[in-house]
Protein backbone atom coordinates (compact mmCIF):
# COMPACT_ATOMS: atom_id res chain seq x y z
CA MET A 1 -218.98 237.39 49.35
CA VAL A 2 -220.69 234.25 50.60
CA ARG A 3 -222.26 232.09 47.93
CA GLU A 4 -225.22 229.90 48.82
CA ARG A 5 -225.31 226.28 47.76
CA ARG A 6 -228.11 225.51 45.29
CA GLU A 7 -230.33 222.61 46.23
CA ARG A 8 -230.80 219.69 43.89
CA GLY A 9 -234.01 217.73 43.50
CA ASP A 10 -233.08 214.72 45.66
CA ASP A 11 -232.02 214.64 49.31
CA ASN A 12 -228.85 212.62 48.60
CA GLY A 13 -227.30 215.51 46.67
CA ARG A 14 -228.77 218.32 48.70
CA TYR A 15 -225.57 219.35 50.47
CA LYS A 16 -222.04 219.66 49.16
CA GLY A 17 -219.61 217.20 50.72
CA VAL A 18 -222.39 215.00 52.16
CA ARG A 19 -223.69 211.59 51.15
CA MET A 20 -225.83 208.87 52.68
CA ARG A 21 -224.56 205.36 53.36
CA LYS A 22 -226.69 202.35 52.42
CA TRP A 23 -227.61 201.80 56.05
CA GLY A 24 -228.84 205.36 56.58
CA LYS A 25 -225.91 207.17 58.19
CA TRP A 26 -224.82 210.47 56.69
CA VAL A 27 -221.11 211.05 56.05
CA ALA A 28 -219.09 214.12 55.21
CA GLU A 29 -215.73 214.53 53.50
CA ILE A 30 -213.85 217.28 51.70
CA ARG A 31 -211.01 217.43 49.19
CA GLN A 32 -207.81 219.17 50.15
CA PRO A 33 -207.00 222.15 47.91
CA ASN A 34 -204.66 221.37 44.99
CA SER A 35 -204.70 217.68 45.87
CA ARG A 36 -206.65 214.53 45.15
CA ASN A 37 -206.60 213.64 48.84
CA ARG A 38 -209.75 213.80 50.92
CA ILE A 39 -210.26 214.57 54.57
CA TRP A 40 -212.80 212.30 56.23
CA LEU A 41 -215.06 214.43 58.44
CA GLY A 42 -217.05 211.64 60.02
CA SER A 43 -220.45 209.94 60.18
CA TYR A 44 -223.53 211.79 61.40
CA ASN A 45 -227.16 211.05 62.19
CA SER A 46 -228.56 213.70 59.86
CA ALA A 47 -227.66 215.35 56.57
CA ASP A 48 -227.81 218.77 58.25
CA GLU A 49 -225.25 217.74 60.84
CA ALA A 50 -222.91 216.38 58.14
CA ALA A 51 -223.36 219.58 56.11
CA ARG A 52 -222.39 221.70 59.12
CA ALA A 53 -219.21 219.62 59.48
CA TYR A 54 -218.44 220.28 55.80
CA ASP A 55 -219.02 224.02 56.29
CA ALA A 56 -216.51 224.16 59.16
CA ALA A 57 -213.93 222.24 57.11
CA VAL A 58 -214.40 224.37 54.00
CA LEU A 59 -213.94 227.52 56.11
CA CYS A 60 -210.66 226.12 57.50
CA LEU A 61 -209.39 225.15 54.05
CA ARG A 62 -210.70 227.86 51.72
CA GLY A 63 -211.69 230.80 53.92
CA PRO A 64 -214.85 232.89 54.10
CA SER A 65 -215.23 233.26 50.32
CA ALA A 66 -215.98 229.53 49.87
CA THR A 67 -219.40 228.11 49.02
CA PHE A 68 -221.23 227.02 52.18
CA ASN A 69 -224.23 224.78 52.72
CA PHE A 70 -225.51 227.19 55.41
CA PRO A 71 -224.16 230.68 54.63
CA SER A 72 -226.44 232.26 57.24
CA ASN A 73 -224.96 230.00 59.96
CA MET A 74 -221.21 230.47 59.57
CA PRO A 75 -218.95 228.37 61.82
CA GLU A 76 -217.29 230.26 64.66
CA ILE A 77 -213.69 229.19 64.27
CA PRO A 78 -210.86 231.20 65.84
CA ALA A 79 -208.68 232.88 63.23
CA THR A 80 -205.19 231.44 62.95
CA THR A 81 -202.26 232.02 60.65
CA GLU A 82 -201.04 228.43 60.84
CA VAL A 83 -202.23 225.74 58.47
CA LEU A 84 -204.38 223.13 60.22
CA SER A 85 -203.65 219.44 59.80
CA PRO A 86 -206.37 217.07 58.51
CA THR A 87 -206.82 215.76 62.07
CA GLN A 88 -207.33 219.29 63.43
CA ILE A 89 -209.79 220.10 60.63
CA ARG A 90 -211.74 216.90 61.42
CA GLU A 91 -211.93 217.87 65.11
CA VAL A 92 -213.11 221.42 64.34
CA ALA A 93 -215.73 220.10 61.89
CA SER A 94 -217.03 217.52 64.35
CA ARG A 95 -217.30 220.06 67.17
CA HIS A 96 -219.17 222.54 64.98
CA ALA A 97 -221.58 219.92 63.60
CA ARG A 98 -222.49 218.47 66.97
CA ARG A 99 -222.61 221.78 68.86
CA GLU A 100 -224.96 223.30 66.31
CA GLY A 101 -227.06 220.12 66.28
CA VAL A 102 -227.60 220.36 70.03
CA LEU A 103 -228.49 224.06 69.81
CA TRP A 104 -230.94 223.38 66.97
CA SER A 105 -232.62 220.60 68.98
CA LEU A 106 -232.93 222.83 72.03
CA GLN A 107 -234.48 225.65 69.97
CA ARG A 108 -237.03 223.21 68.51
CA GLY A 109 -237.81 221.75 71.94
CA LEU A 110 -236.62 218.23 71.02
């Protein structure tokens, strides 16, 4: 079952795992399961791009039953039985966020 993220009233809290820096860049990060440690997912130009990075990371860490920002646009990540390192998760998240951003721009004619 895929649960959809509820939107809040303001744009800063619209997506899980995403926040805006004072200077306007959007950043994404995620907590590791059963730990207080966070995995930095990077800085992005838009909140949507940062949210897609979070979705890819949450899929790697928690599987398909996690809560996603975009449940209708699931990340295409090859299934693996090995546990990914934080660096590998960051790379997967960045690739998904930027690939989807390019596809979205092309579909909109930007």
